[in-house]
Amino acid sequence: MGAVESLCWRKARMPRGDGGRNGLLIDAKGVQALAIHKVAFLDVFAPEMLDEVRSQLPEGFDLVAVKTYDEREKLDVVSDADFILAGWASVPAQLLDAAPRLKLIQKWGIGYEKIDVKAAAEKGIPVAITAGANAVPVAEHTLLLMLAVSKRLPYVDHALRQGRWLKAEIRAVTYQLNGTTVGLVGFGNIGREVAKRVRAFNAHVLFYDKVRPSTRIEEQLGVTFCPLDDLLARADIVSVHVPLLPETTRLIDKRAFSLMKPSAILINASRGGVVDEGALVEALKSNRLRGAGIDVFEVEPAEANNPLFAMENVVVTPHSAGGVKDNTANVARHAFRNMLRIVKREPLDEADLVRP
């Protein structure tokens, strides 16, 4: 670990069946603790959030976190790591070349497009996500965006702080969720959590997914399957919840916007690349759409001159839908559970396993 942490390793007898490295972790006071596996955490978290993550570490695990996204620091941290834990950080092939002990790349969250899955597979290193672990906060954020766009919340808030009382004027451009048709593009863990919540607003829910769930699940959630083009044409709110894959890149493009109602709004809390951002800007400028709520962008961090930022009918957030303090421990437990499975030579859950 070198300069990253003021701790050193001393070899000790490896207990049978532990499946990994073993040693004694000696701190500055000479206190000894069994330390088996090093986790290289490649995301920059605030100290209090790192404390939340570390509070879930299994016995015998040590977590070393980077302080920056500098590639040299990442290379140093992974050099003797058994596991990589990464959320926003990229995990390219050259990083894997520098990590000869690596047993698993664990994604913090579900979007793994920044991980070189092919290179990992070639080295026999599994890649896992934390399927469903942040579904609830993302679903809540999706509802937040729906309501904020429908009620023009940022615009009204800003106007009021400037001394403008828009009570009369705002009635002509704001709407309720009650009775609307919400179309969910993607119906995995997050899409289903969104469905539960919009149903509570007495909205009708259509969904499209290439993998259709059972009739029982559809009936339980009160949703209706719909081909994508029909969904786009019928929905008052289109909310995107698919991963970024070759087949979903710019899935919502100029053609898709041409099918949508001019009174419709678009919500994207999945990945920026799923929506053609240029086509979205043009649709909003030409009144082909009423508004949009966007948490993710084609380029992140988004540049300050992004044209979406200047539009009063657009609500934007910085890819923060899943990042809430009181769910951090839950995601960490999920991630460490996968690492323990690798240590115990147990199979990963199919929902978590990423296949190239």
Protein backbone atom coordinates (compact mmCIF):
# COMPACT_ATOMS: atom_id res chain seq x y z
CA MET A 1 0.00 0.00 0.00
CA GLY A 2 3.03 2.26 0.41
CA ALA A 3 2.24 5.95 0.70
CA VAL A 4 -1.49 5.37 0.37
CA GLU A 5 -1.92 4.02 3.89
CA SER A 6 0.48 3.95 6.87
CA LEU A 7 0.04 0.21 7.36
CA CYS A 8 2.33 -2.70 6.67
CA TRP A 9 1.81 -6.39 6.08
CA ARG A 10 3.49 -9.36 7.76
CA LYS A 11 2.92 -12.89 6.57
CA ALA A 12 1.09 -15.37 8.74
CA ARG A 13 -0.23 -18.88 8.28
CA MET A 14 -3.10 -19.05 5.81
CA PRO A 15 -6.18 -20.74 7.27
CA ARG A 16 -7.62 -23.56 5.21
CA GLY A 17 -10.22 -22.73 2.61
CA ASP A 18 -10.08 -18.96 2.96
CA GLY A 19 -9.36 -18.71 -0.74
CA GLY A 20 -7.12 -15.68 -0.56
CA ARG A 21 -4.20 -13.77 0.86
CA ASN A 22 -3.62 -13.72 4.61
CA GLY A 23 -1.52 -11.58 6.90
CA LEU A 24 -1.36 -9.43 9.99
CA LEU A 25 -2.19 -5.76 9.65
CA ILE A 26 0.01 -3.75 12.02
CA ASP A 27 -0.97 -0.17 12.76
CA ALA A 28 1.29 2.59 14.14
CA LYS A 29 0.57 1.47 17.72
CA GLY A 30 1.52 -2.12 17.03
CA VAL A 31 -2.06 -3.38 17.24
CA GLN A 32 -2.52 -6.56 15.21
CA ALA A 33 -5.62 -7.55 13.27
CA LEU A 34 -6.21 -10.29 10.74
CA ALA A 35 -6.16 -8.76 7.27
CA ILE A 36 -6.76 -10.93 4.25
CA HIS A 37 -8.07 -9.00 1.29
CA LYS A 38 -7.35 -5.53 -0.05
CA VAL A 39 -10.15 -3.60 -1.77
CA ALA A 40 -9.02 -0.73 -4.01
CA PHE A 41 -11.83 1.85 -4.04
CA LEU A 42 -11.36 4.02 -7.13
CA ASP A 43 -14.00 6.67 -6.46
CA VAL A 44 -13.48 9.88 -4.53
CA PHE A 45 -15.95 9.98 -1.65
CA ALA A 46 -16.34 12.52 1.13
CA PRO A 47 -14.79 11.29 4.42
CA GLU A 48 -18.16 10.72 6.09
CA MET A 49 -19.29 8.64 3.12
CA LEU A 50 -16.11 6.57 3.21
CA ASP A 51 -16.86 5.91 6.87
CA GLU A 52 -20.25 4.53 5.80
CA VAL A 53 -18.57 2.24 3.28
CA ARG A 54 -15.90 1.05 5.71
CA SER A 55 -18.54 0.33 8.36
CA GLN A 56 -19.72 -2.57 6.17
CA LEU A 57 -16.32 -4.17 5.55
CA PRO A 58 -16.30 -7.87 6.38
CA GLU A 59 -13.74 -9.11 8.89
CA GLY A 60 -10.35 -9.51 7.28
CA PHE A 61 -10.95 -6.94 4.52
CA ASP A 62 -9.12 -3.66 4.15
CA LEU A 63 -10.33 -0.81 1.93
CA VAL A 64 -7.89 1.70 0.43
CA ALA A 65 -9.51 4.67 -1.29
CA VAL A 66 -8.01 7.04 -3.81
CA LYS A 67 -7.97 10.76 -3.07
CA THR A 68 -8.11 11.82 -6.74
CA TYR A 69 -8.99 10.33 -10.11
CA ASP A 70 -5.37 10.62 -11.23
CA GLU A 71 -4.39 7.52 -13.24
CA ARG A 72 -1.05 7.19 -11.44
CA GLU A 73 -2.76 7.03 -8.06
CA LYS A 74 -5.20 4.43 -9.35
CA LEU A 75 -2.31 2.32 -10.67
CA ASP A 76 -0.58 2.51 -7.29
CA VAL A 77 -3.69 1.51 -5.35
CA VAL A 78 -4.55 -1.51 -7.51
CA SER A 79 -1.00 -2.90 -7.68
CA ASP A 80 -1.57 -5.33 -4.79
CA ALA A 81 -5.37 -5.28 -4.67
CA ASP A 82 -7.55 -8.38 -4.53
CA PHE A 83 -10.66 -6.44 -5.50
CA ILE A 84 -11.49 -3.25 -7.35
CA LEU A 85 -14.55 -1.30 -6.29
CA ALA A 86 -15.47 1.44 -8.78
CA GLY A 87 -18.50 3.61 -9.46
CA TRP A 88 -17.85 6.67 -11.60
CA ALA A 89 -14.18 5.78 -12.13
CA SER A 90 -13.09 4.02 -15.30
CA VAL A 91 -11.42 0.61 -15.23
CA PRO A 92 -9.45 0.27 -18.49
CA ALA A 93 -7.33 -2.67 -19.61
CA GLN A 94 -4.06 -1.05 -18.51
CA LEU A 95 -5.36 -0.87 -14.95
CA LEU A 96 -6.01 -4.60 -15.00
CA ASP A 97 -2.47 -5.20 -16.26
CA ALA A 98 -1.20 -3.46 -13.13
CA ALA A 99 -3.26 -5.64 -10.76
CA PRO A 100 -1.87 -9.20 -10.80
CA ARG A 101 -3.76 -10.27 -7.65
CA LEU A 102 -7.16 -9.11 -8.88
CA LYS A 103 -10.05 -11.53 -8.25
CA LEU A 104 -13.10 -9.36 -9.01
CA ILE A 105 -14.07 -5.96 -10.41
CA GLN A 106 -17.08 -4.80 -8.44
CA LYS A 107 -19.17 -1.96 -9.84
CA TRP A 108 -20.68 0.45 -7.33
CA GLY A 109 -24.13 0.65 -8.91
CA ILE A 110 -25.21 -0.95 -12.18
CA GLY A 111 -23.83 0.95 -15.19
CA TYR A 112 -20.61 -0.81 -16.19
CA GLU A 113 -19.81 0.92 -19.50
CA LYS A 114 -16.59 2.40 -18.04
CA ILE A 115 -15.22 -1.06 -17.24
CA ASP A 116 -13.33 -2.93 -19.95
CA VAL A 117 -15.38 -6.10 -19.53
CA LYS A 118 -13.74 -7.80 -22.52
CA ALA A 119 -10.23 -7.26 -21.13
CA ALA A 120 -11.37 -8.56 -17.74
CA ALA A 121 -12.85 -11.68 -19.34
CA GLU A 122 -9.62 -12.35 -21.21
CA LYS A 123 -7.79 -12.32 -17.87
CA GLY A 124 -10.43 -14.50 -16.22
CA ILE A 125 -11.52 -11.69 -13.88
CA PRO A 126 -15.28 -11.57 -13.21
CA VAL A 127 -17.18 -8.28 -13.22
CA ALA A 128 -20.19 -7.71 -10.98
CA ILE A 129 -22.76 -4.99 -10.40
CA THR A 130 -24.93 -4.29 -7.37
CA ALA A 131 -28.24 -5.10 -9.06
CA GLY A 132 -31.19 -3.39 -7.40
CA ALA A 133 -29.15 -1.86 -4.58
CA ASN A 134 -29.86 1.73 -5.61
CA ALA A 135 -33.20 1.14 -7.34
CA VAL A 136 -35.25 2.96 -4.70
CA PRO A 137 -33.28 6.24 -4.58
CA VAL A 138 -33.13 6.35 -8.40
CA ALA A 139 -36.88 5.73 -8.58
CA GLU A 140 -37.51 8.49 -6.04
CA HIS A 141 -35.30 10.85 -8.03
CA THR A 142 -37.20 9.95 -11.18
CA LEU A 143 -40.45 10.98 -9.50
CA LEU A 144 -38.74 14.16 -8.31
CA LEU A 145 -37.83 15.03 -11.90
CA MET A 146 -41.33 14.22 -13.16
CA LEU A 147 -42.91 16.50 -10.58
CA ALA A 148 -40.32 19.26 -10.89
CA VAL A 149 -40.74 19.45 -14.67
CA SER A 150 -44.53 19.19 -14.51
CA LYS A 151 -44.73 21.93 -11.89
CA ARG A 152 -41.87 24.04 -13.37
CA LEU A 153 -40.36 24.01 -9.89
CA PRO A 154 -36.86 25.47 -10.50
CA TYR A 155 -38.26 28.24 -12.70
CA VAL A 156 -40.92 29.23 -10.14
CA ASP A 157 -38.45 29.00 -7.26
CA HIS A 158 -35.94 31.24 -9.06
CA ALA A 159 -38.62 33.76 -10.03
CA LEU A 160 -39.96 34.01 -6.48
CA ARG A 161 -36.48 34.62 -5.09
CA GLN A 162 -36.21 37.51 -7.55
CA GLY A 163 -39.44 39.01 -6.25
CA ARG A 164 -41.76 37.78 -9.02
CA TRP A 165 -45.07 36.29 -7.80
CA LEU A 166 -46.11 33.99 -10.67
CA LYS A 167 -49.19 32.43 -9.11
CA ALA A 168 -51.52 33.36 -11.96
CA GLU A 169 -49.11 32.92 -14.87
CA ILE A 170 -47.78 29.51 -13.84
CA ARG A 171 -51.20 27.85 -13.96
CA ALA A 172 -51.10 27.85 -17.76
CA VAL A 173 -47.89 25.81 -17.96
CA THR A 174 -48.04 23.36 -15.04
CA TYR A 175 -49.64 19.93 -14.81
CA GLN A 176 -50.48 17.14 -12.38
CA LEU A 177 -49.42 13.48 -12.56
CA ASN A 178 -52.93 12.29 -11.75
CA GLY A 179 -54.51 10.59 -14.75
CA THR A 180 -51.42 10.84 -16.97
CA THR A 181 -49.90 7.99 -18.95
CA VAL A 182 -46.32 7.25 -17.97
CA GLY A 183 -44.23 5.17 -20.38
CA LEU A 184 -41.25 3.33 -18.91
CA VAL A 185 -38.54 2.41 -21.40
CA GLY A 186 -36.83 -0.42 -19.52
CA PHE A 187 -38.50 -2.44 -16.80
CA GLY A 188 -35.76 -3.79 -14.57
CA ASN A 189 -35.40 -3.12 -10.84
CA ILE A 190 -35.52 0.66 -11.23
CA GLY A 191 -38.36 0.68 -13.74
CA ARG A 192 -40.49 -1.47 -11.46
CA GLU A 193 -39.83 0.79 -8.46
CA VAL A 194 -40.84 3.79 -10.57
CA ALA A 195 -44.03 1.98 -11.60
CA LYS A 196 -45.01 1.44 -7.95
CA ARG A 197 -44.59 5.12 -7.20
CA VAL A 198 -46.33 6.63 -10.21
CA ARG A 199 -49.24 4.26 -9.71
CA ALA A 200 -49.68 5.91 -6.30
CA PHE A 201 -50.28 9.15 -8.22
CA ASN A 202 -53.12 7.46 -10.12
CA ALA A 203 -51.11 7.41 -13.34
CA HIS A 204 -51.47 4.75 -16.03
CA VAL A 205 -48.23 2.87 -16.64
CA LEU A 206 -47.04 1.46 -19.96
CA PHE A 207 -43.67 -0.24 -20.25
CA TYR A 208 -41.34 -1.60 -22.87
CA ASP A 209 -38.48 -4.02 -22.28
CA LYS A 210 -36.83 -6.60 -24.51
CA VAL A 211 -37.30 -9.11 -21.68
CA ARG A 212 -40.95 -9.17 -20.67
CA PRO A 213 -41.77 -10.21 -17.10
CA SER A 214 -44.46 -12.70 -16.16
CA THR A 215 -48.13 -11.83 -16.41
CA ARG A 216 -48.31 -12.13 -12.64
CA ILE A 217 -45.73 -9.36 -12.14
CA GLU A 218 -47.50 -7.12 -14.66
CA GLU A 219 -50.80 -7.63 -12.87
CA GLN A 220 -49.28 -7.06 -9.44
CA LEU A 221 -47.74 -3.76 -10.54
CA GLY A 222 -50.74 -2.69 -12.61
CA VAL A 223 -48.70 -2.08 -15.76
CA THR A 224 -49.23 -2.79 -19.45
CA PHE A 225 -46.62 -3.97 -21.94
CA CYS A 226 -46.42 -1.86 -25.07
CA PRO A 227 -44.16 -1.88 -28.17
CA LEU A 228 -41.68 0.98 -28.03
CA ASP A 229 -43.14 3.09 -30.84
CA ASP A 230 -46.65 2.80 -29.40
CA LEU A 231 -45.37 3.71 -25.95
CA LEU A 232 -43.65 6.83 -27.29
CA ALA A 233 -46.82 7.89 -29.11
CA ARG A 234 -49.16 7.34 -26.14
CA ALA A 235 -47.19 8.48 -23.10
CA ASP A 236 -47.47 11.89 -21.47
CA ILE A 237 -44.20 11.18 -19.67
CA VAL A 238 -41.47 8.97 -21.14
CA SER A 239 -38.97 7.80 -18.52
CA VAL A 240 -35.82 5.94 -19.62
CA HIS A 241 -34.39 3.09 -17.52
CA VAL A 242 -32.13 0.97 -19.75
CA PRO A 243 -28.38 0.33 -19.50
CA LEU A 244 -26.00 1.87 -22.02
CA LEU A 245 -25.26 -0.91 -24.51
CA PRO A 246 -24.53 -0.83 -28.26
CA GLU A 247 -28.20 -1.55 -28.96
CA THR A 248 -29.45 1.19 -26.60
CA THR A 249 -27.01 3.95 -27.60
CA ARG A 250 -29.12 6.91 -28.76
CA LEU A 251 -32.22 4.76 -28.51
CA ILE A 252 -34.19 7.96 -27.95
CA ASP A 253 -33.27 9.93 -31.06
CA LYS A 254 -34.84 12.37 -33.51
CA ARG A 255 -37.19 9.71 -34.81
CA ALA A 256 -38.31 8.83 -31.27
CA PHE A 257 -39.02 12.47 -30.49
CA SER A 258 -41.07 12.76 -33.69
CA LEU A 259 -43.36 10.01 -32.35
CA MET A 260 -43.93 11.67 -28.98
CA LYS A 261 -46.71 14.09 -28.17
CA PRO A 262 -45.72 17.79 -28.21
CA SER A 263 -47.22 17.91 -24.70
CA ALA A 264 -45.00 15.07 -23.45
CA ILE A 265 -41.93 15.30 -21.23
CA LEU A 266 -38.80 13.12 -21.21
CA ILE A 267 -37.07 11.88 -18.06
CA ASN A 268 -33.62 10.29 -18.22
CA ALA A 269 -32.00 8.91 -15.07
CA SER A 270 -30.27 5.99 -16.78
CA ARG A 271 -27.24 6.90 -18.94
CA GLY A 272 -26.65 9.98 -21.05
CA GLY A 273 -25.72 8.05 -24.16
CA VAL A 274 -29.16 6.45 -24.34
CA VAL A 275 -30.63 9.80 -25.44
CA ASP A 276 -29.39 11.76 -28.45
CA GLU A 277 -28.72 15.01 -26.61
CA GLY A 278 -28.58 17.14 -29.76
CA ALA A 279 -31.93 15.77 -30.90
CA LEU A 280 -33.38 16.44 -27.44
CA VAL A 281 -32.24 20.08 -27.54
CA GLU A 282 -33.76 20.52 -31.00
CA ALA A 283 -37.04 18.89 -29.92
CA LEU A 284 -37.30 21.26 -26.96
CA LYS A 285 -36.40 24.34 -29.01
CA SER A 286 -38.98 23.49 -31.67
CA ASN A 287 -41.70 22.74 -29.10
CA ARG A 288 -41.77 19.06 -30.08
CA LEU A 289 -41.56 18.40 -26.32
CA ARG A 290 -43.00 20.23 -23.33
CA GLY A 291 -40.01 19.66 -21.10
CA ALA A 292 -37.35 17.28 -19.79
CA GLY A 293 -35.78 16.10 -16.54
CA ILE A 294 -32.18 15.01 -17.04
CA ASP A 295 -29.82 13.44 -14.51
CA VAL A 296 -27.28 12.03 -16.99
CA PHE A 297 -25.42 13.46 -19.96
CA GLU A 298 -23.53 12.25 -23.02
CA VAL A 299 -20.39 13.94 -21.64
CA GLU A 300 -19.83 13.95 -17.89
CA PRO A 301 -19.17 16.15 -16.06
CA ALA A 302 -21.43 18.18 -18.34
CA GLU A 303 -19.94 21.44 -19.61
CA ALA A 304 -21.34 24.70 -18.27
CA ASN A 305 -22.43 25.83 -21.75
CA ASN A 306 -24.66 22.80 -22.31
CA PRO A 307 -27.76 24.26 -24.04
CA LEU A 308 -30.07 22.26 -21.76
CA PHE A 309 -28.94 24.41 -18.83
CA ALA A 310 -30.41 27.55 -20.39
CA MET A 311 -33.90 26.12 -20.86
CA GLU A 312 -36.58 27.04 -18.32
CA ASN A 313 -38.61 23.89 -19.05
CA VAL A 314 -35.68 21.56 -18.26
CA VAL A 315 -34.65 20.32 -14.81
CA VAL A 316 -31.08 19.02 -14.49
CA THR A 317 -29.14 17.19 -11.78
CA PRO A 318 -25.49 15.98 -11.83
CA HIS A 319 -25.88 12.19 -12.22
CA SER A 320 -26.89 12.08 -8.57
CA ALA A 321 -30.09 10.01 -8.65
CA GLY A 322 -28.64 6.99 -6.87
CA GLY A 323 -26.27 8.81 -4.55
CA VAL A 324 -27.90 9.27 -1.14
CA LYS A 325 -26.23 8.94 2.23
CA ASP A 326 -28.74 6.58 3.80
CA ASN A 327 -28.38 4.02 1.00
CA THR A 328 -24.57 3.97 0.97
CA ALA A 329 -24.28 1.17 3.52
CA ASN A 330 -26.78 -0.92 1.56
CA VAL A 331 -24.77 -0.67 -1.67
CA ALA A 332 -21.53 -1.36 0.23
CA ARG A 333 -22.97 -4.51 1.84
CA HIS A 334 -24.07 -5.74 -1.56
CA ALA A 335 -20.62 -5.13 -3.06
CA PHE A 336 -18.75 -6.78 -0.20
CA ARG A 337 -21.14 -9.74 -0.28
CA ASN A 338 -20.01 -10.42 -3.85
CA MET A 339 -16.38 -10.22 -2.77
CA LEU A 340 -17.02 -12.72 0.01
CA ARG A 341 -18.57 -15.08 -2.51
CA ILE A 342 -15.38 -14.93 -4.57
CA VAL A 343 -13.30 -15.60 -1.44
CA LYS A 344 -15.49 -18.60 -0.56
CA ARG A 345 -15.48 -19.81 -4.17
CA GLU A 346 -19.24 -19.44 -4.37
CA PRO A 347 -20.99 -18.42 -7.60
CA LEU A 348 -22.10 -14.82 -8.04
CA ASP A 349 -25.79 -14.09 -8.37
CA GLU A 350 -26.76 -14.13 -12.05
CA ALA A 351 -28.39 -10.70 -11.65
CA ASP A 352 -25.02 -9.26 -10.60
CA LEU A 353 -22.73 -11.06 -13.02
CA VAL A 354 -21.71 -9.08 -16.09
CA ARG A 355 -21.03 -11.14 -19.18
CA PRO A 356 -18.96 -9.75 -22.07
